[in-house]
Amino acid sequence: TCKSMQLSWQQIYDADPDLVVIACCGFDLKRNEKDALAARELLKPLRAFKQGRIYAADGNLYFARPGPALREGIAILSRCAYDGDKDVVNELE
């Protein structure tokens, strides 16, 4: 198994992602939303923040363990990443 790894804010700034999904394993949606809001000032310099592409999800339910919900987690990530692409959205729905 592979352990998760922690990134420094500098590593995140250097990558300047166009999409951020906060879905920490072990935490539900409410906790991840709370953490995202708490990190708001740190997230502001990111392209993802400027483009309104910061999302929170239930990491415990959809990403932390194998099972049918993992498929839903993939759909959540796909929807976040490709929401503007009608063909992808149609396939997800």
PDB file of N, CA and C in Angstrom:
ATOM      1  N   THR A   1       0.829  -1.185   0.000  1.00  0.00           N
ATOM      2  CA  THR A   1       0.000   0.000   0.000  1.00  0.00           C
ATOM      3  C   THR A   1       0.870   1.244   0.000  1.00  0.00           C
ATOM      4  N   CYS A   2       0.281   2.310  -0.443  1.00  0.00           N
ATOM      5  CA  CYS A   2       0.998   3.577  -0.522  1.00  0.00           C
ATOM      6  C   CYS A   2       0.372   4.562   0.458  1.00  0.00           C
ATOM      7  N   LYS A   3       1.191   5.171   1.244  1.00  0.00           N
ATOM      8  CA  LYS A   3       0.716   6.182   2.176  1.00  0.00           C
ATOM      9  C   LYS A   3       0.494   7.492   1.426  1.00  0.00           C
ATOM     10  N   SER A   4      -0.416   8.274   1.933  1.00  0.00           N
ATOM     11  CA  SER A   4      -0.595   9.591   1.342  1.00  0.00           C
ATOM     12  C   SER A   4       0.616  10.448   1.669  1.00  0.00           C
ATOM     13  N   MET A   5       0.814  11.465   0.878  1.00  0.00           N
ATOM     14  CA  MET A   5       1.944  12.334   1.151  1.00  0.00           C
ATOM     15  C   MET A   5       1.453  13.763   1.339  1.00  0.00           C
ATOM     16  N   GLN A   6       2.156  14.464   2.165  1.00  0.00           N
ATOM     17  CA  GLN A   6       1.802  15.842   2.452  1.00  0.00           C
ATOM     18  C   GLN A   6       2.646  16.775   1.593  1.00  0.00           C
ATOM     19  N   LEU A   7       1.987  17.759   0.997  1.00  0.00           N
ATOM     20  CA  LEU A   7       2.679  18.749   0.195  1.00  0.00           C
ATOM     21  C   LEU A   7       2.775  20.045   0.985  1.00  0.00           C
ATOM     22  N   SER A   8       3.858  20.748   0.781  1.00  0.00           N
ATOM     23  CA  SER A   8       3.983  22.063   1.393  1.00  0.00           C
ATOM     24  C   SER A   8       3.172  23.054   0.561  1.00  0.00           C
ATOM     25  N   TRP A   9       2.818  24.183   1.156  1.00  0.00           N
ATOM     26  CA  TRP A   9       2.122  25.209   0.386  1.00  0.00           C
ATOM     27  C   TRP A   9       2.989  25.681  -0.767  1.00  0.00           C
ATOM     28  N   GLN A  10       4.292  25.731  -0.563  1.00  0.00           N
ATOM     29  CA  GLN A  10       5.171  26.172  -1.656  1.00  0.00           C
ATOM     30  C   GLN A  10       5.096  25.210  -2.838  1.00  0.00           C
ATOM     31  N   GLN A  11       5.033  23.909  -2.566  1.00  0.00           N
ATOM     32  CA  GLN A  11       4.897  22.930  -3.648  1.00  0.00           C
ATOM     33  C   GLN A  11       3.572  23.129  -4.388  1.00  0.00           C
ATOM     34  N   ILE A  12       2.532  23.442  -3.648  1.00  0.00           N
ATOM     35  CA  ILE A  12       1.228  23.675  -4.269  1.00  0.00           C
ATOM     36  C   ILE A  12       1.269  24.951  -5.103  1.00  0.00           C
ATOM     37  N   TYR A  13       1.875  26.010  -4.561  1.00  0.00           N
ATOM     38  CA  TYR A  13       1.993  27.259  -5.320  1.00  0.00           C
ATOM     39  C   TYR A  13       2.821  27.050  -6.583  1.00  0.00           C
ATOM     40  N   ASP A  14       3.890  26.285  -6.472  1.00  0.00           N
ATOM     41  CA  ASP A  14       4.740  26.025  -7.630  1.00  0.00           C
ATOM     42  C   ASP A  14       3.968  25.279  -8.728  1.00  0.00           C
ATOM     43  N   ALA A  15       3.102  24.366  -8.329  1.00  0.00           N
ATOM     44  CA  ALA A  15       2.303  23.609  -9.299  1.00  0.00           C
ATOM     45  C   ALA A  15       1.159  24.462  -9.864  1.00  0.00           C
ATOM     46  N   ASP A  16       0.658  25.397  -9.076  1.00  0.00           N
ATOM     47  CA  ASP A  16      -0.452  26.278  -9.456  1.00  0.00           C
ATOM     48  C   ASP A  16      -1.552  25.509 -10.199  1.00  0.00           C
ATOM     49  N   PRO A  17      -2.195  24.557  -9.510  1.00  0.00           N
ATOM     50  CA  PRO A  17      -3.187  23.721 -10.187  1.00  0.00           C
ATOM     51  C   PRO A  17      -4.395  24.513 -10.676  1.00  0.00           C
ATOM     52  N   ASP A  18      -5.013  24.010 -11.738  1.00  0.00           N
ATOM     53  CA  ASP A  18      -6.221  24.658 -12.230  1.00  0.00           C
ATOM     54  C   ASP A  18      -7.472  24.059 -11.590  1.00  0.00           C
ATOM     55  N   LEU A  19      -7.282  23.070 -10.720  1.00  0.00           N
ATOM     56  CA  LEU A  19      -8.386  22.419 -10.021  1.00  0.00           C
ATOM     57  C   LEU A  19      -7.857  21.880  -8.698  1.00  0.00           C
ATOM     58  N   VAL A  20      -8.613  22.106  -7.621  1.00  0.00           N
ATOM     59  CA  VAL A  20      -8.254  21.550  -6.319  1.00  0.00           C
ATOM     60  C   VAL A  20      -9.496  20.877  -5.743  1.00  0.00           C
ATOM     61  N   VAL A  21      -9.347  19.627  -5.331  1.00  0.00           N
ATOM     62  CA  VAL A  21     -10.414  18.905  -4.652  1.00  0.00           C
ATOM     63  C   VAL A  21      -9.904  18.567  -3.264  1.00  0.00           C
ATOM     64  N   ILE A  22     -10.570  19.078  -2.264  1.00  0.00           N
ATOM     65  CA  ILE A  22     -10.211  18.795  -0.873  1.00  0.00           C
ATOM     66  C   ILE A  22     -11.116  17.662  -0.413  1.00  0.00           C
ATOM     67  N   ALA A  23     -10.526  16.484  -0.270  1.00  0.00           N
ATOM     68  CA  ALA A  23     -11.268  15.275   0.074  1.00  0.00           C
ATOM     69  C   ALA A  23     -10.382  14.383   0.940  1.00  0.00           C
ATOM     70  N   CYS A  24      -9.970  14.923   2.067  1.00  0.00           N
ATOM     71  CA  CYS A  24      -9.044  14.195   2.942  1.00  0.00           C
ATOM     72  C   CYS A  24      -9.673  12.909   3.450  1.00  0.00           C
ATOM     73  N   CYS A  25      -8.919  11.829   3.381  1.00  0.00           N
ATOM     74  CA  CYS A  25      -9.449  10.551   3.838  1.00  0.00           C
ATOM     75  C   CYS A  25      -9.677  10.610   5.348  1.00  0.00           C
ATOM     76  N   GLY A  26     -10.762  10.009   5.772  1.00  0.00           N
ATOM     77  CA  GLY A  26     -11.132  10.032   7.179  1.00  0.00           C
ATOM     78  C   GLY A  26     -12.037  11.196   7.532  1.00  0.00           C
ATOM     79  N   PHE A  27     -12.199  12.154   6.606  1.00  0.00           N
ATOM     80  CA  PHE A  27     -13.020  13.331   6.892  1.00  0.00           C
ATOM     81  C   PHE A  27     -14.237  13.358   5.979  1.00  0.00           C
ATOM     82  N   ASP A  28     -15.368  13.735   6.568  1.00  0.00           N
ATOM     83  CA  ASP A  28     -16.592  13.836   5.784  1.00  0.00           C
ATOM     84  C   ASP A  28     -16.655  15.187   5.067  1.00  0.00           C
ATOM     85  N   LEU A  29     -17.725  15.397   4.325  1.00  0.00           N
ATOM     86  CA  LEU A  29     -17.869  16.615   3.536  1.00  0.00           C
ATOM     87  C   LEU A  29     -17.823  17.861   4.419  1.00  0.00           C
ATOM     88  N   LYS A  30     -18.542  17.841   5.537  1.00  0.00           N
ATOM     89  CA  LYS A  30     -18.561  19.015   6.412  1.00  0.00           C
ATOM     90  C   LYS A  30     -17.162  19.385   6.889  1.00  0.00           C
ATOM     91  N   ARG A  31     -16.392  18.387   7.278  1.00  0.00           N
ATOM     92  CA  ARG A  31     -15.034  18.669   7.764  1.00  0.00           C
ATOM     93  C   ARG A  31     -14.154  19.200   6.634  1.00  0.00           C
ATOM     94  N   ASN A  32     -14.257  18.627   5.449  1.00  0.00           N
ATOM     95  CA  ASN A  32     -13.448  19.096   4.323  1.00  0.00           C
ATOM     96  C   ASN A  32     -13.870  20.501   3.877  1.00  0.00           C
ATOM     97  N   GLU A  33     -15.161  20.802   3.937  1.00  0.00           N
ATOM     98  CA  GLU A  33     -15.622  22.162   3.648  1.00  0.00           C
ATOM     99  C   GLU A  33     -15.043  23.140   4.668  1.00  0.00           C
ATOM    100  N   LYS A  34     -15.091  22.759   5.939  1.00  0.00           N
ATOM    101  CA  LYS A  34     -14.557  23.606   7.012  1.00  0.00           C
ATOM    102  C   LYS A  34     -13.069  23.868   6.794  1.00  0.00           C
ATOM    103  N   ASP A  35     -12.321  22.819   6.450  1.00  0.00           N
ATOM    104  CA  ASP A  35     -10.884  22.973   6.207  1.00  0.00           C
ATOM    105  C   ASP A  35     -10.617  23.850   4.976  1.00  0.00           C
ATOM    106  N   ALA A  36     -11.428  23.698   3.933  1.00  0.00           N
ATOM    107  CA  ALA A  36     -11.262  24.515   2.732  1.00  0.00           C
ATOM    108  C   ALA A  36     -11.510  25.988   3.053  1.00  0.00           C
ATOM    109  N   LEU A  37     -12.544  26.258   3.816  1.00  0.00           N
ATOM    110  CA  LEU A  37     -12.835  27.643   4.192  1.00  0.00           C
ATOM    111  C   LEU A  37     -11.743  28.220   5.088  1.00  0.00           C
ATOM    112  N   ALA A  38     -11.211  27.394   5.978  1.00  0.00           N
ATOM    113  CA  ALA A  38     -10.130  27.840   6.863  1.00  0.00           C
ATOM    114  C   ALA A  38      -8.862  28.159   6.069  1.00  0.00           C
ATOM    115  N   ALA A  39      -8.673  27.491   4.939  1.00  0.00           N
ATOM    116  CA  ALA A  39      -7.477  27.682   4.109  1.00  0.00           C
ATOM    117  C   ALA A  39      -7.711  28.707   2.996  1.00  0.00           C
ATOM    118  N   ARG A  40      -8.819  29.375   3.042  1.00  0.00           N
ATOM    119  CA  ARG A  40      -9.204  30.305   1.968  1.00  0.00           C
ATOM    120  C   ARG A  40      -8.089  31.283   1.605  1.00  0.00           C
ATOM    121  N   GLU A  41      -7.488  31.922   2.576  1.00  0.00           N
ATOM    122  CA  GLU A  41      -6.434  32.904   2.295  1.00  0.00           C
ATOM    123  C   GLU A  41      -5.224  32.244   1.636  1.00  0.00           C
ATOM    124  N   LEU A  42      -4.923  31.017   2.042  1.00  0.00           N
ATOM    125  CA  LEU A  42      -3.795  30.297   1.447  1.00  0.00           C
ATOM    126  C   LEU A  42      -4.110  29.850   0.021  1.00  0.00           C
ATOM    127  N   LEU A  43      -5.384  29.608  -0.245  1.00  0.00           N
ATOM    128  CA  LEU A  43      -5.796  29.149  -1.572  1.00  0.00           C
ATOM    129  C   LEU A  43      -5.922  30.287  -2.590  1.00  0.00           C
ATOM    130  N   LYS A  44      -6.103  31.507  -2.122  1.00  0.00           N
ATOM    131  CA  LYS A  44      -6.365  32.646  -3.014  1.00  0.00           C
ATOM    132  C   LYS A  44      -5.345  32.840  -4.140  1.00  0.00           C
ATOM    133  N   PRO A  45      -4.047  32.623  -3.911  1.00  0.00           N
ATOM    134  CA  PRO A  45      -3.095  32.849  -5.012  1.00  0.00           C
ATOM    135  C   PRO A  45      -3.200  31.832  -6.150  1.00  0.00           C
ATOM    136  N   LEU A  46      -3.886  30.740  -5.934  1.00  0.00           N
ATOM    137  CA  LEU A  46      -3.931  29.660  -6.924  1.00  0.00           C
ATOM    138  C   LEU A  46      -4.853  29.979  -8.103  1.00  0.00           C
ATOM    139  N   ARG A  47      -4.455  29.532  -9.254  1.00  0.00           N
ATOM    140  CA  ARG A  47      -5.273  29.643 -10.467  1.00  0.00           C
ATOM    141  C   ARG A  47      -6.643  29.003 -10.234  1.00  0.00           C
ATOM    142  N   ALA A  48      -6.677  27.870  -9.545  1.00  0.00           N
ATOM    143  CA  ALA A  48      -7.941  27.182  -9.273  1.00  0.00           C
ATOM    144  C   ALA A  48      -8.897  28.072  -8.479  1.00  0.00           C
ATOM    145  N   PHE A  49      -8.367  28.785  -7.512  1.00  0.00           N
ATOM    146  CA  PHE A  49      -9.201  29.686  -6.725  1.00  0.00           C
ATOM    147  C   PHE A  49      -9.739  30.810  -7.598  1.00  0.00           C
ATOM    148  N   LYS A  50      -8.868  31.402  -8.379  1.00  0.00           N
ATOM    149  CA  LYS A  50      -9.247  32.533  -9.234  1.00  0.00           C
ATOM    150  C   LYS A  50     -10.293  32.137 -10.274  1.00  0.00           C
ATOM    151  N   GLN A  51     -10.281  30.865 -10.663  1.00  0.00           N
ATOM    152  CA  GLN A  51     -11.237  30.375 -11.665  1.00  0.00           C
ATOM    153  C   GLN A  51     -12.456  29.703 -11.024  1.00  0.00           C
ATOM    154  N   GLY A  52     -12.543  29.747  -9.693  1.00  0.00           N
ATOM    155  CA  GLY A  52     -13.689  29.147  -9.007  1.00  0.00           C
ATOM    156  C   GLY A  52     -13.716  27.637  -9.087  1.00  0.00           C
ATOM    157  N   ARG A  53     -12.526  27.011  -9.035  1.00  0.00           N
ATOM    158  CA  ARG A  53     -12.452  25.564  -9.202  1.00  0.00           C
ATOM    159  C   ARG A  53     -11.822  24.887  -7.979  1.00  0.00           C
ATOM    160  N   ILE A  54     -12.278  25.296  -6.787  1.00  0.00           N
ATOM    161  CA  ILE A  54     -11.899  24.645  -5.542  1.00  0.00           C
ATOM    162  C   ILE A  54     -13.145  23.899  -5.069  1.00  0.00           C
ATOM    163  N   TYR A  55     -13.006  22.614  -4.835  1.00  0.00           N
ATOM    164  CA  TYR A  55     -14.136  21.782  -4.442  1.00  0.00           C
ATOM    165  C   TYR A  55     -13.809  21.024  -3.163  1.00  0.00           C
ATOM    166  N   ALA A  56     -14.850  20.673  -2.427  1.00  0.00           N
ATOM    167  CA  ALA A  56     -14.699  19.804  -1.261  1.00  0.00           C
ATOM    168  C   ALA A  56     -15.595  18.590  -1.478  1.00  0.00           C
ATOM    169  N   ALA A  57     -15.144  17.452  -0.987  1.00  0.00           N
ATOM    170  CA  ALA A  57     -15.917  16.217  -1.120  1.00  0.00           C
ATOM    171  C   ALA A  57     -15.733  15.378   0.144  1.00  0.00           C
ATOM    172  N   ASP A  58     -16.575  14.400   0.294  1.00  0.00           N
ATOM    173  CA  ASP A  58     -16.488  13.479   1.426  1.00  0.00           C
ATOM    174  C   ASP A  58     -15.384  12.461   1.126  1.00  0.00           C
ATOM    175  N   GLY A  59     -14.207  12.737   1.638  1.00  0.00           N
ATOM    176  CA  GLY A  59     -13.062  11.873   1.373  1.00  0.00           C
ATOM    177  C   GLY A  59     -13.209  10.501   1.993  1.00  0.00           C
ATOM    178  N   ASN A  60     -13.825  10.446   3.156  1.00  0.00           N
ATOM    179  CA  ASN A  60     -13.993   9.169   3.840  1.00  0.00           C
ATOM    180  C   ASN A  60     -14.905   8.235   3.051  1.00  0.00           C
ATOM    181  N   LEU A  61     -15.991   8.769   2.543  1.00  0.00           N
ATOM    182  CA  LEU A  61     -16.961   7.941   1.823  1.00  0.00           C
ATOM    183  C   LEU A  61     -16.507   7.587   0.409  1.00  0.00           C
ATOM    184  N   TYR A  62     -15.983   8.571  -0.331  1.00  0.00           N
ATOM    185  CA  TYR A  62     -15.756   8.372  -1.759  1.00  0.00           C
ATOM    186  C   TYR A  62     -14.331   8.059  -2.187  1.00  0.00           C
ATOM    187  N   PHE A  63     -13.349   8.245  -1.303  1.00  0.00           N
ATOM    188  CA  PHE A  63     -11.968   8.102  -1.753  1.00  0.00           C
ATOM    189  C   PHE A  63     -11.076   7.258  -0.858  1.00  0.00           C
ATOM    190  N   ALA A  64     -11.483   6.982   0.382  1.00  0.00           N
ATOM    191  CA  ALA A  64     -10.570   6.382   1.355  1.00  0.00           C
ATOM    192  C   ALA A  64     -10.529   4.854   1.335  1.00  0.00           C
ATOM    193  N   ARG A  65     -11.534   4.220   0.802  1.00  0.00           N
ATOM    194  CA  ARG A  65     -11.546   2.755   0.867  1.00  0.00           C
ATOM    195  C   ARG A  65     -12.188   2.155  -0.383  1.00  0.00           C
ATOM    196  N   PRO A  66     -11.772   0.956  -0.726  1.00  0.00           N
ATOM    197  CA  PRO A  66     -12.332   0.319  -1.920  1.00  0.00           C
ATOM    198  C   PRO A  66     -13.797  -0.052  -1.704  1.00  0.00           C
ATOM    199  N   GLY A  67     -14.526  -0.060  -2.777  1.00  0.00           N
ATOM    200  CA  GLY A  67     -15.937  -0.424  -2.715  1.00  0.00           C
ATOM    201  C   GLY A  67     -16.718   0.341  -3.769  1.00  0.00           C
ATOM    202  N   PRO A  68     -18.025   0.106  -3.822  1.00  0.00           N
ATOM    203  CA  PRO A  68     -18.853   0.751  -4.844  1.00  0.00           C
ATOM    204  C   PRO A  68     -18.807   2.277  -4.800  1.00  0.00           C
ATOM    205  N   ALA A  69     -18.631   2.871  -3.628  1.00  0.00           N
ATOM    206  CA  ALA A  69     -18.607   4.332  -3.524  1.00  0.00           C
ATOM    207  C   ALA A  69     -17.381   4.931  -4.219  1.00  0.00           C
ATOM    208  N   LEU A  70     -16.347   4.128  -4.400  1.00  0.00           N
ATOM    209  CA  LEU A  70     -15.156   4.620  -5.093  1.00  0.00           C
ATOM    210  C   LEU A  70     -15.495   5.026  -6.528  1.00  0.00           C
ATOM    211  N   ARG A  71     -16.408   4.291  -7.147  1.00  0.00           N
ATOM    212  CA  ARG A  71     -16.873   4.641  -8.499  1.00  0.00           C
ATOM    213  C   ARG A  71     -17.538   6.019  -8.487  1.00  0.00           C
ATOM    214  N   GLU A  72     -18.293   6.294  -7.435  1.00  0.00           N
ATOM    215  CA  GLU A  72     -18.929   7.603  -7.294  1.00  0.00           C
ATOM    216  C   GLU A  72     -17.869   8.690  -7.106  1.00  0.00           C
ATOM    217  N   GLY A  73     -16.791   8.356  -6.386  1.00  0.00           N
ATOM    218  CA  GLY A  73     -15.698   9.302  -6.205  1.00  0.00           C
ATOM    219  C   GLY A  73     -15.053   9.674  -7.524  1.00  0.00           C
ATOM    220  N   ILE A  74     -14.894   8.695  -8.395  1.00  0.00           N
ATOM    221  CA  ILE A  74     -14.333   8.964  -9.724  1.00  0.00           C
ATOM    222  C   ILE A  74     -15.277   9.876 -10.511  1.00  0.00           C
ATOM    223  N   ALA A  75     -16.571   9.639 -10.383  1.00  0.00           N
ATOM    224  CA  ALA A  75     -17.551  10.493 -11.064  1.00  0.00           C
ATOM    225  C   ALA A  75     -17.497  11.921 -10.523  1.00  0.00           C
ATOM    226  N   ILE A  76     -17.308  12.075  -9.213  1.00  0.00           N
ATOM    227  CA  ILE A  76     -17.194  13.406  -8.605  1.00  0.00           C
ATOM    228  C   ILE A  76     -15.974  14.125  -9.172  1.00  0.00           C
ATOM    229  N   LEU A  77     -14.835  13.436  -9.204  1.00  0.00           N
ATOM    230  CA  LEU A  77     -13.617  14.051  -9.755  1.00  0.00           C
ATOM    231  C   LEU A  77     -13.803  14.422 -11.218  1.00  0.00           C
ATOM    232  N   SER A  78     -14.425  13.536 -11.981  1.00  0.00           N
ATOM    233  CA  SER A  78     -14.656  13.804 -13.402  1.00  0.00           C
ATOM    234  C   SER A  78     -15.563  15.006 -13.589  1.00  0.00           C
ATOM    235  N   ARG A  79     -16.595  15.095 -12.773  1.00  0.00           N
ATOM    236  CA  ARG A  79     -17.526  16.224 -12.878  1.00  0.00           C
ATOM    237  C   ARG A  79     -16.811  17.532 -12.548  1.00  0.00           C
ATOM    238  N   CYS A  80     -15.972  17.516 -11.529  1.00  0.00           N
ATOM    239  CA  CYS A  80     -15.207  18.719 -11.164  1.00  0.00           C
ATOM    240  C   CYS A  80     -14.259  19.122 -12.300  1.00  0.00           C
ATOM    241  N   ALA A  81     -13.592  18.155 -12.874  1.00  0.00           N
ATOM    242  CA  ALA A  81     -12.581  18.436 -13.891  1.00  0.00           C
ATOM    243  C   ALA A  81     -13.176  18.790 -15.251  1.00  0.00           C
ATOM    244  N   TYR A  82     -14.311  18.177 -15.602  1.00  0.00           N
ATOM    245  CA  TYR A  82     -14.844  18.314 -16.959  1.00  0.00           C
ATOM    246  C   TYR A  82     -16.257  18.882 -17.000  1.00  0.00           C
ATOM    247  N   ASP A  83     -16.617  19.681 -16.016  1.00  0.00           N
ATOM    248  CA  ASP A  83     -17.986  20.187 -15.947  1.00  0.00           C
ATOM    249  C   ASP A  83     -18.404  20.971 -17.182  1.00  0.00           C
ATOM    250  N   GLY A  84     -17.468  21.621 -17.850  1.00  0.00           N
ATOM    251  CA  GLY A  84     -17.799  22.391 -19.043  1.00  0.00           C
ATOM    252  C   GLY A  84     -17.901  21.570 -20.313  1.00  0.00           C
ATOM    253  N   ASP A  85     -17.567  20.290 -20.241  1.00  0.00           N
ATOM    254  CA  ASP A  85     -17.580  19.423 -21.417  1.00  0.00           C
ATOM    255  C   ASP A  85     -18.888  18.628 -21.441  1.00  0.00           C
ATOM    256  N   LYS A  86     -19.800  19.022 -22.306  1.00  0.00           N
ATOM    257  CA  LYS A  86     -21.134  18.425 -22.337  1.00  0.00           C
ATOM    258  C   LYS A  86     -21.103  16.914 -22.565  1.00  0.00           C
ATOM    259  N   ASP A  87     -20.187  16.429 -23.399  1.00  0.00           N
ATOM    260  CA  ASP A  87     -20.115  14.996 -23.682  1.00  0.00           C
ATOM    261  C   ASP A  87     -19.764  14.218 -22.425  1.00  0.00           C
ATOM    262  N   VAL A  88     -18.795  14.727 -21.659  1.00  0.00           N
ATOM    263  CA  VAL A  88     -18.397  14.052 -20.421  1.00  0.00           C
ATOM    264  C   VAL A  88     -19.529  14.083 -19.414  1.00  0.00           C
ATOM    265  N   VAL A  89     -20.141  15.241 -19.243  1.00  0.00           N
ATOM    266  CA  VAL A  89     -21.247  15.376 -18.293  1.00  0.00           C
ATOM    267  C   VAL A  89     -22.391  14.428 -18.654  1.00  0.00           C
ATOM    268  N   ASN A  90     -22.721  14.322 -19.930  1.00  0.00           N
ATOM    269  CA  ASN A  90     -23.785  13.403 -20.360  1.00  0.00           C
ATOM    270  C   ASN A  90     -23.447  11.962 -20.006  1.00  0.00           C
ATOM    271  N   GLU A  91     -22.200  11.564 -20.185  1.00  0.00           N
ATOM    272  CA  GLU A  91     -21.788  10.205 -19.842  1.00  0.00           C
ATOM    273  C   GLU A  91     -21.883   9.944 -18.333  1.00  0.00           C
ATOM    274  N   LEU A  92     -21.569  10.984 -17.544  1.00  0.00           N
ATOM    275  CA  LEU A  92     -21.620  10.838 -16.087  1.00  0.00           C
ATOM    276  C   LEU A  92     -23.041  10.745 -15.573  1.00  0.00           C
ATOM    277  N   GLU A  93     -23.940  11.391 -16.263  1.00  0.00           N
ATOM    278  CA  GLU A  93     -25.330  11.401 -15.819  1.00  0.00           C
ATOM    279  C   GLU A  93     -26.035  10.199 -16.370  1.00  0.00           C
TER     280      GLU A  93
END
